[in-house]
Amino acid sequence: MKSKEAKSSNGWTDIFGAEAKVRRRPRALEHTLQSRCVRWFRLKFSNRRHNLFAVPNGGYRTKTTAALMKDEGQLSGVSDLILLVRKGTCGALLLEAKVKGNYQSPTQKQWQTLIEADGYEYRIFHTLEEFIEIVTEYLSRPDE
């Protein structure tokens, strides 16, 4: 029979010691949520599939790639999804995915304040059901 230490070893403890913990990255959970929401939207509103798109702000990048993307106009804090549909005086709905336990960064809060001051709507969703409710309500508004 293997010892208790050998049974619980996950490779990380061999390298980083007993205090090392392996935890699932929150971004992966938000990725799953966002993917489900986009899939639902494209099935429900296939004629508007071109109006909902992601802003690729997350993920690992080399310093060179990050510098190139910044030069091309990437901004920290921008929402995860943009629904480019005018409703009334609002030109677009900006959507941020956050799973339970994750919160906006100061940069995201600052961008939200600025974009709302420009007359856009910014909403945070935590579940597919919440996303459906927000998007359905927004799209059901009169065009003006």
N, C-alpha and C. Protein backbone atom coordinates (compact mmCIF):
# COMPACT_ATOMS: atom_id res chain seq x y z
N MET A 1 0.84 -1.19 0.00
CA MET A 1 0.00 0.00 0.00
C MET A 1 0.88 1.25 0.00
N LYS A 2 0.45 2.23 -0.79
CA LYS A 2 1.24 3.47 -0.88
C LYS A 2 1.07 4.30 0.37
N SER A 3 2.10 5.09 0.68
CA SER A 3 2.00 5.96 1.85
C SER A 3 1.00 7.08 1.57
N LYS A 4 0.55 7.70 2.66
CA LYS A 4 -0.42 8.80 2.56
C LYS A 4 0.15 9.96 1.75
N GLU A 5 1.45 10.26 1.93
CA GLU A 5 2.10 11.34 1.18
C GLU A 5 2.11 11.04 -0.32
N ALA A 6 2.45 9.84 -0.67
CA ALA A 6 2.53 9.49 -2.09
C ALA A 6 1.15 9.53 -2.73
N LYS A 7 0.12 9.13 -1.98
CA LYS A 7 -1.25 9.16 -2.51
C LYS A 7 -1.71 10.58 -2.81
N SER A 8 -1.37 11.53 -1.94
CA SER A 8 -1.87 12.89 -2.09
C SER A 8 -0.99 13.75 -2.99
N SER A 9 0.15 13.23 -3.41
CA SER A 9 1.04 14.01 -4.25
C SER A 9 0.42 14.24 -5.62
N ASN A 10 0.43 15.50 -6.07
CA ASN A 10 -0.11 15.83 -7.38
C ASN A 10 0.95 16.40 -8.31
N GLY A 11 2.19 16.26 -7.94
CA GLY A 11 3.26 16.79 -8.77
C GLY A 11 3.67 18.19 -8.33
N TRP A 12 2.67 19.00 -7.98
CA TRP A 12 2.96 20.37 -7.54
C TRP A 12 3.68 20.38 -6.21
N THR A 13 3.26 19.50 -5.31
CA THR A 13 3.90 19.49 -4.00
C THR A 13 5.35 19.06 -4.10
N ASP A 14 5.67 18.22 -5.08
CA ASP A 14 7.06 17.81 -5.29
C ASP A 14 7.94 19.01 -5.66
N ILE A 15 7.37 19.94 -6.40
CA ILE A 15 8.12 21.09 -6.89
C ILE A 15 8.04 22.27 -5.93
N PHE A 16 6.82 22.58 -5.45
CA PHE A 16 6.59 23.80 -4.69
C PHE A 16 6.40 23.58 -3.19
N GLY A 17 6.34 22.35 -2.75
CA GLY A 17 6.18 22.07 -1.32
C GLY A 17 4.73 21.77 -0.97
N ALA A 18 4.53 21.37 0.29
CA ALA A 18 3.22 20.91 0.75
C ALA A 18 2.17 22.01 0.76
N GLU A 19 2.57 23.26 0.83
CA GLU A 19 1.61 24.37 0.89
C GLU A 19 1.02 24.74 -0.46
N ALA A 20 1.61 24.22 -1.54
CA ALA A 20 1.14 24.56 -2.89
C ALA A 20 -0.25 24.01 -3.12
N LYS A 21 -1.09 24.81 -3.74
CA LYS A 21 -2.45 24.39 -4.07
C LYS A 21 -2.66 24.56 -5.56
N VAL A 22 -3.36 23.63 -6.13
CA VAL A 22 -3.74 23.75 -7.53
C VAL A 22 -5.19 24.16 -7.54
N ARG A 23 -5.49 25.30 -8.13
CA ARG A 23 -6.88 25.72 -8.18
C ARG A 23 -7.25 26.06 -9.60
N ARG A 24 -8.51 25.88 -9.89
CA ARG A 24 -9.01 26.16 -11.22
C ARG A 24 -9.04 27.67 -11.43
N ARG A 25 -8.57 28.09 -12.57
CA ARG A 25 -8.52 29.51 -12.86
C ARG A 25 -9.93 30.06 -13.07
N PRO A 26 -10.29 31.18 -12.44
CA PRO A 26 -11.63 31.75 -12.59
C PRO A 26 -11.96 32.08 -14.04
N ARG A 27 -10.97 32.44 -14.82
CA ARG A 27 -11.20 32.81 -16.22
C ARG A 27 -11.85 31.66 -16.98
N ALA A 28 -11.46 30.42 -16.67
CA ALA A 28 -12.03 29.26 -17.35
C ALA A 28 -13.53 29.16 -17.07
N LEU A 29 -13.93 29.46 -15.85
CA LEU A 29 -15.36 29.42 -15.51
C LEU A 29 -16.11 30.52 -16.24
N GLU A 30 -15.53 31.70 -16.32
CA GLU A 30 -16.16 32.79 -17.06
C GLU A 30 -16.19 32.50 -18.55
N HIS A 31 -15.17 31.83 -19.04
CA HIS A 31 -15.15 31.42 -20.44
C HIS A 31 -16.33 30.50 -20.74
N THR A 32 -16.55 29.53 -19.88
CA THR A 32 -17.66 28.58 -20.06
C THR A 32 -19.00 29.32 -20.05
N LEU A 33 -19.18 30.20 -19.10
CA LEU A 33 -20.42 30.98 -19.02
C LEU A 33 -20.61 31.82 -20.28
N GLN A 34 -19.59 32.54 -20.67
CA GLN A 34 -19.68 33.40 -21.84
C GLN A 34 -19.97 32.58 -23.10
N SER A 35 -19.32 31.45 -23.25
CA SER A 35 -19.53 30.59 -24.42
C SER A 35 -20.98 30.11 -24.49
N ARG A 36 -21.52 29.72 -23.36
CA ARG A 36 -22.92 29.27 -23.32
C ARG A 36 -23.87 30.40 -23.72
N CYS A 37 -23.57 31.61 -23.26
CA CYS A 37 -24.42 32.77 -23.57
C CYS A 37 -24.38 33.10 -25.06
N VAL A 38 -23.21 33.09 -25.63
CA VAL A 38 -23.06 33.38 -27.06
C VAL A 38 -23.77 32.31 -27.88
N ARG A 39 -23.61 31.06 -27.49
CA ARG A 39 -24.28 29.96 -28.20
C ARG A 39 -25.80 30.13 -28.16
N TRP A 40 -26.35 30.46 -26.97
CA TRP A 40 -27.79 30.70 -26.84
C TRP A 40 -28.22 31.85 -27.75
N PHE A 41 -27.48 32.96 -27.70
CA PHE A 41 -27.85 34.14 -28.50
C PHE A 41 -27.89 33.80 -29.98
N ARG A 42 -26.89 33.09 -30.46
CA ARG A 42 -26.81 32.77 -31.89
C ARG A 42 -27.91 31.81 -32.33
N LEU A 43 -28.37 30.97 -31.43
CA LEU A 43 -29.51 30.10 -31.75
C LEU A 43 -30.83 30.88 -31.72
N LYS A 44 -30.99 31.71 -30.72
CA LYS A 44 -32.24 32.46 -30.53
C LYS A 44 -32.38 33.61 -31.53
N PHE A 45 -31.31 34.31 -31.80
CA PHE A 45 -31.34 35.49 -32.66
C PHE A 45 -30.37 35.30 -33.84
N SER A 46 -30.58 34.27 -34.61
CA SER A 46 -29.66 33.95 -35.71
C SER A 46 -29.53 35.09 -36.71
N ASN A 47 -30.59 35.89 -36.87
CA ASN A 47 -30.53 37.03 -37.79
C ASN A 47 -29.70 38.19 -37.22
N ARG A 48 -29.34 38.13 -35.95
CA ARG A 48 -28.53 39.17 -35.30
C ARG A 48 -27.19 38.63 -34.81
N ARG A 49 -26.80 37.46 -35.27
CA ARG A 49 -25.57 36.84 -34.76
C ARG A 49 -24.35 37.73 -34.97
N HIS A 50 -24.38 38.57 -35.99
CA HIS A 50 -23.26 39.48 -36.28
C HIS A 50 -23.20 40.67 -35.31
N ASN A 51 -24.30 40.88 -34.56
CA ASN A 51 -24.36 42.02 -33.65
C ASN A 51 -23.74 41.77 -32.27
N LEU A 52 -23.55 40.50 -31.91
CA LEU A 52 -22.96 40.17 -30.62
C LEU A 52 -21.56 39.62 -30.85
N PHE A 53 -20.59 40.27 -30.24
CA PHE A 53 -19.22 39.81 -30.41
C PHE A 53 -18.42 40.01 -29.12
N ALA A 54 -17.33 39.25 -29.03
CA ALA A 54 -16.46 39.29 -27.85
C ALA A 54 -15.32 40.26 -28.06
N VAL A 55 -14.83 40.79 -26.96
CA VAL A 55 -13.64 41.63 -26.96
C VAL A 55 -12.53 40.78 -26.32
N PRO A 56 -11.51 40.41 -27.07
CA PRO A 56 -10.48 39.50 -26.56
C PRO A 56 -9.46 40.20 -25.65
N ASN A 57 -9.87 40.52 -24.44
CA ASN A 57 -8.98 41.21 -23.51
C ASN A 57 -8.27 40.28 -22.55
N GLY A 58 -8.75 39.05 -22.40
CA GLY A 58 -8.17 38.15 -21.42
C GLY A 58 -7.14 37.22 -22.03
N GLY A 59 -6.60 36.39 -21.19
CA GLY A 59 -5.69 35.35 -21.65
C GLY A 59 -4.23 35.75 -21.56
N TYR A 60 -3.39 34.73 -21.67
CA TYR A 60 -1.95 34.94 -21.59
C TYR A 60 -1.42 35.44 -22.93
N ARG A 61 -0.54 36.43 -22.86
CA ARG A 61 0.11 36.96 -24.05
C ARG A 61 1.57 37.23 -23.72
N THR A 62 2.39 37.13 -24.73
CA THR A 62 3.78 37.53 -24.53
C THR A 62 3.82 39.05 -24.43
N LYS A 63 4.91 39.59 -23.95
CA LYS A 63 5.04 41.04 -23.84
C LYS A 63 4.95 41.69 -25.22
N THR A 64 5.52 41.04 -26.21
CA THR A 64 5.48 41.58 -27.58
C THR A 64 4.06 41.63 -28.11
N THR A 65 3.32 40.53 -27.95
CA THR A 65 1.93 40.49 -28.41
C THR A 65 1.09 41.52 -27.67
N ALA A 66 1.27 41.62 -26.37
CA ALA A 66 0.52 42.59 -25.57
C ALA A 66 0.79 44.01 -26.06
N ALA A 67 2.03 44.33 -26.35
CA ALA A 67 2.39 45.66 -26.84
C ALA A 67 1.75 45.92 -28.21
N LEU A 68 1.77 44.92 -29.09
CA LEU A 68 1.13 45.08 -30.40
C LEU A 68 -0.37 45.32 -30.27
N MET A 69 -1.01 44.55 -29.40
CA MET A 69 -2.46 44.69 -29.23
C MET A 69 -2.80 46.06 -28.63
N LYS A 70 -2.00 46.53 -27.71
CA LYS A 70 -2.22 47.85 -27.13
C LYS A 70 -2.08 48.93 -28.21
N ASP A 71 -1.08 48.79 -29.07
CA ASP A 71 -0.90 49.74 -30.17
C ASP A 71 -2.09 49.72 -31.13
N GLU A 72 -2.71 48.54 -31.28
CA GLU A 72 -3.87 48.39 -32.17
C GLU A 72 -5.16 48.90 -31.55
N GLY A 73 -5.13 49.29 -30.27
CA GLY A 73 -6.30 49.89 -29.65
C GLY A 73 -6.96 49.10 -28.55
N GLN A 74 -6.38 48.00 -28.13
CA GLN A 74 -6.96 47.25 -27.03
C GLN A 74 -6.92 48.08 -25.76
N LEU A 75 -8.03 48.07 -25.02
CA LEU A 75 -8.14 48.83 -23.78
C LEU A 75 -8.43 47.91 -22.62
N SER A 76 -7.76 48.11 -21.52
CA SER A 76 -8.06 47.36 -20.30
C SER A 76 -9.42 47.78 -19.78
N GLY A 77 -10.15 46.81 -19.25
CA GLY A 77 -11.43 47.11 -18.61
C GLY A 77 -12.64 47.01 -19.51
N VAL A 78 -12.45 46.88 -20.81
CA VAL A 78 -13.58 46.82 -21.74
C VAL A 78 -14.39 45.56 -21.46
N SER A 79 -15.70 45.66 -21.63
CA SER A 79 -16.60 44.54 -21.35
C SER A 79 -16.28 43.33 -22.22
N ASP A 80 -16.70 42.16 -21.74
CA ASP A 80 -16.44 40.90 -22.44
C ASP A 80 -17.19 40.81 -23.76
N LEU A 81 -18.43 41.27 -23.77
CA LEU A 81 -19.28 41.17 -24.96
C LEU A 81 -19.89 42.52 -25.30
N ILE A 82 -20.10 42.76 -26.58
CA ILE A 82 -20.79 43.96 -27.03
C ILE A 82 -21.94 43.51 -27.93
N LEU A 83 -23.13 43.98 -27.60
CA LEU A 83 -24.31 43.75 -28.43
C LEU A 83 -24.57 45.06 -29.15
N LEU A 84 -24.17 45.10 -30.41
CA LEU A 84 -24.22 46.32 -31.20
C LEU A 84 -25.58 46.45 -31.88
N VAL A 85 -26.56 46.85 -31.07
CA VAL A 85 -27.93 47.06 -31.52
C VAL A 85 -28.43 48.33 -30.84
N ARG A 86 -28.88 49.29 -31.64
CA ARG A 86 -29.43 50.53 -31.08
C ARG A 86 -30.86 50.29 -30.60
N LYS A 87 -31.13 50.70 -29.36
CA LYS A 87 -32.48 50.66 -28.81
C LYS A 87 -32.73 52.01 -28.15
N GLY A 88 -33.66 52.74 -28.71
CA GLY A 88 -33.92 54.08 -28.20
C GLY A 88 -32.70 54.96 -28.38
N THR A 89 -32.28 55.59 -27.30
CA THR A 89 -31.11 56.46 -27.36
C THR A 89 -29.81 55.71 -27.05
N CYS A 90 -29.93 54.43 -26.75
CA CYS A 90 -28.76 53.62 -26.40
C CYS A 90 -28.24 52.91 -27.65
N GLY A 91 -26.97 53.12 -27.98
CA GLY A 91 -26.39 52.56 -29.19
C GLY A 91 -25.91 51.13 -29.08
N ALA A 92 -25.72 50.65 -27.85
CA ALA A 92 -25.21 49.29 -27.66
C ALA A 92 -25.39 48.86 -26.22
N LEU A 93 -25.42 47.54 -26.03
CA LEU A 93 -25.45 46.94 -24.70
C LEU A 93 -24.10 46.28 -24.48
N LEU A 94 -23.45 46.64 -23.39
CA LEU A 94 -22.12 46.12 -23.06
C LEU A 94 -22.27 45.15 -21.89
N LEU A 95 -21.77 43.94 -22.08
CA LEU A 95 -22.02 42.86 -21.13
C LEU A 95 -20.73 42.30 -20.56
N GLU A 96 -20.71 42.15 -19.24
CA GLU A 96 -19.53 41.62 -18.54
C GLU A 96 -19.92 40.33 -17.81
N ALA A 97 -19.21 39.24 -18.09
CA ALA A 97 -19.45 37.95 -17.43
C ALA A 97 -18.64 37.90 -16.14
N LYS A 98 -19.32 37.55 -15.06
CA LYS A 98 -18.66 37.35 -13.78
C LYS A 98 -19.29 36.15 -13.09
N VAL A 99 -18.48 35.17 -12.77
CA VAL A 99 -18.99 34.03 -12.02
C VAL A 99 -18.96 34.37 -10.54
N LYS A 100 -19.71 33.59 -9.77
CA LYS A 100 -19.81 33.82 -8.32
C LYS A 100 -18.42 33.90 -7.70
N GLY A 101 -18.19 34.94 -6.93
CA GLY A 101 -16.90 35.12 -6.26
C GLY A 101 -15.94 36.01 -7.02
N ASN A 102 -16.23 36.32 -8.27
CA ASN A 102 -15.39 37.22 -9.06
C ASN A 102 -16.06 38.59 -9.13
N TYR A 103 -15.26 39.62 -9.09
CA TYR A 103 -15.77 40.99 -9.10
C TYR A 103 -15.02 41.81 -10.13
N GLN A 104 -15.60 42.94 -10.48
CA GLN A 104 -14.94 43.84 -11.43
C GLN A 104 -13.63 44.36 -10.85
N SER A 105 -12.68 44.52 -11.73
CA SER A 105 -11.42 45.16 -11.35
C SER A 105 -11.66 46.67 -11.31
N PRO A 106 -10.77 47.42 -10.67
CA PRO A 106 -10.90 48.88 -10.69
C PRO A 106 -10.93 49.44 -12.12
N THR A 107 -10.14 48.84 -13.02
CA THR A 107 -10.12 49.30 -14.42
C THR A 107 -11.47 49.05 -15.09
N GLN A 108 -12.10 47.91 -14.81
CA GLN A 108 -13.42 47.62 -15.37
C GLN A 108 -14.47 48.59 -14.84
N LYS A 109 -14.40 48.89 -13.56
CA LYS A 109 -15.35 49.85 -12.96
C LYS A 109 -15.19 51.23 -13.58
N GLN A 110 -13.94 51.63 -13.80
CA GLN A 110 -13.68 52.93 -14.40
C GLN A 110 -14.22 52.98 -15.83
N TRP A 111 -13.98 51.93 -16.61
CA TRP A 111 -14.48 51.89 -17.99
C TRP A 111 -16.00 51.91 -18.00
N GLN A 112 -16.63 51.18 -17.07
CA GLN A 112 -18.09 51.19 -16.98
C GLN A 112 -18.61 52.59 -16.73
N THR A 113 -18.01 53.31 -15.81
CA THR A 113 -18.43 54.69 -15.50
C THR A 113 -18.32 55.58 -16.73
N LEU A 114 -17.22 55.49 -17.44
CA LEU A 114 -17.00 56.31 -18.63
C LEU A 114 -17.99 55.98 -19.74
N ILE A 115 -18.23 54.70 -19.98
CA ILE A 115 -19.07 54.28 -21.09
C ILE A 115 -20.55 54.57 -20.80
N GLU A 116 -20.95 54.45 -19.53
CA GLU A 116 -22.32 54.80 -19.16
C GLU A 116 -22.55 56.31 -19.29
N ALA A 117 -21.53 57.10 -18.99
CA ALA A 117 -21.63 58.55 -19.15
C ALA A 117 -21.80 58.93 -20.62
N ASP A 118 -21.32 58.07 -21.52
CA ASP A 118 -21.49 58.30 -22.96
C ASP A 118 -22.85 57.85 -23.46
N GLY A 119 -23.69 57.28 -22.58
CA GLY A 119 -25.04 56.90 -22.95
C GLY A 119 -25.25 55.44 -23.31
N TYR A 120 -24.24 54.61 -23.07
CA TYR A 120 -24.37 53.18 -23.35
C TYR A 120 -24.83 52.45 -22.09
N GLU A 121 -25.42 51.29 -22.28
CA GLU A 121 -25.85 50.48 -21.14
C GLU A 121 -24.83 49.40 -20.88
N TYR A 122 -24.45 49.24 -19.63
CA TYR A 122 -23.46 48.26 -19.20
C TYR A 122 -24.11 47.37 -18.16
N ARG A 123 -24.06 46.06 -18.38
CA ARG A 123 -24.68 45.12 -17.43
C ARG A 123 -23.71 43.99 -17.14
N ILE A 124 -23.76 43.52 -15.91
CA ILE A 124 -22.98 42.37 -15.47
C ILE A 124 -23.94 41.20 -15.32
N PHE A 125 -23.54 40.02 -15.83
CA PHE A 125 -24.36 38.83 -15.66
C PHE A 125 -23.52 37.73 -15.02
N HIS A 126 -24.21 36.89 -14.24
CA HIS A 126 -23.53 35.82 -13.49
C HIS A 126 -23.96 34.42 -13.93
N THR A 127 -25.06 34.34 -14.66
CA THR A 127 -25.59 33.06 -15.10
C THR A 127 -26.15 33.20 -16.51
N LEU A 128 -26.36 32.08 -17.18
CA LEU A 128 -27.00 32.09 -18.48
C LEU A 128 -28.40 32.68 -18.38
N GLU A 129 -29.12 32.32 -17.35
CA GLU A 129 -30.49 32.82 -17.17
C GLU A 129 -30.51 34.35 -17.04
N GLU A 130 -29.56 34.88 -16.30
CA GLU A 130 -29.47 36.33 -16.14
C GLU A 130 -29.13 37.00 -17.47
N PHE A 131 -28.21 36.42 -18.23
CA PHE A 131 -27.87 36.93 -19.56
C PHE A 131 -29.11 36.95 -20.46
N ILE A 132 -29.85 35.85 -20.47
CA ILE A 132 -31.07 35.76 -21.29
C ILE A 132 -32.05 36.85 -20.92
N GLU A 133 -32.25 37.06 -19.63
CA GLU A 133 -33.18 38.08 -19.15
C GLU A 133 -32.74 39.48 -19.59
N ILE A 134 -31.47 39.79 -19.42
CA ILE A 134 -30.94 41.12 -19.78
C ILE A 134 -31.08 41.36 -21.28
N VAL A 135 -30.63 40.41 -22.09
CA VAL A 135 -30.64 40.57 -23.55
C VAL A 135 -32.07 40.62 -24.10
N THR A 136 -32.93 39.74 -23.59
CA THR A 136 -34.33 39.72 -24.05
C THR A 136 -35.03 41.03 -23.73
N GLU A 137 -34.81 41.53 -22.54
CA GLU A 137 -35.42 42.82 -22.16
C GLU A 137 -34.89 43.95 -23.04
N TYR A 138 -33.59 43.97 -23.26
CA TYR A 138 -32.98 45.03 -24.06
C TYR A 138 -33.52 45.00 -25.49
N LEU A 139 -33.54 43.83 -26.09
CA LEU A 139 -33.99 43.72 -27.49
C LEU A 139 -35.49 43.93 -27.66
N SER A 140 -36.25 43.81 -26.59
CA SER A 140 -37.69 44.02 -26.68
C SER A 140 -38.09 45.51 -26.54
N ARG A 141 -37.13 46.36 -26.24
CA ARG A 141 -37.41 47.79 -26.15
C ARG A 141 -37.75 48.36 -27.52
N PRO A 142 -38.57 49.41 -27.53
CA PRO A 142 -38.86 50.03 -28.83
C PRO A 142 -37.62 50.69 -29.42
N ASP A 143 -37.56 50.71 -30.76
CA ASP A 143 -36.42 51.32 -31.44
C ASP A 143 -36.44 52.84 -31.30
N GLU A 144 -37.57 53.39 -31.00
CA GLU A 144 -37.82 54.82 -30.78
C GLU A 144 -38.56 55.44 -31.90
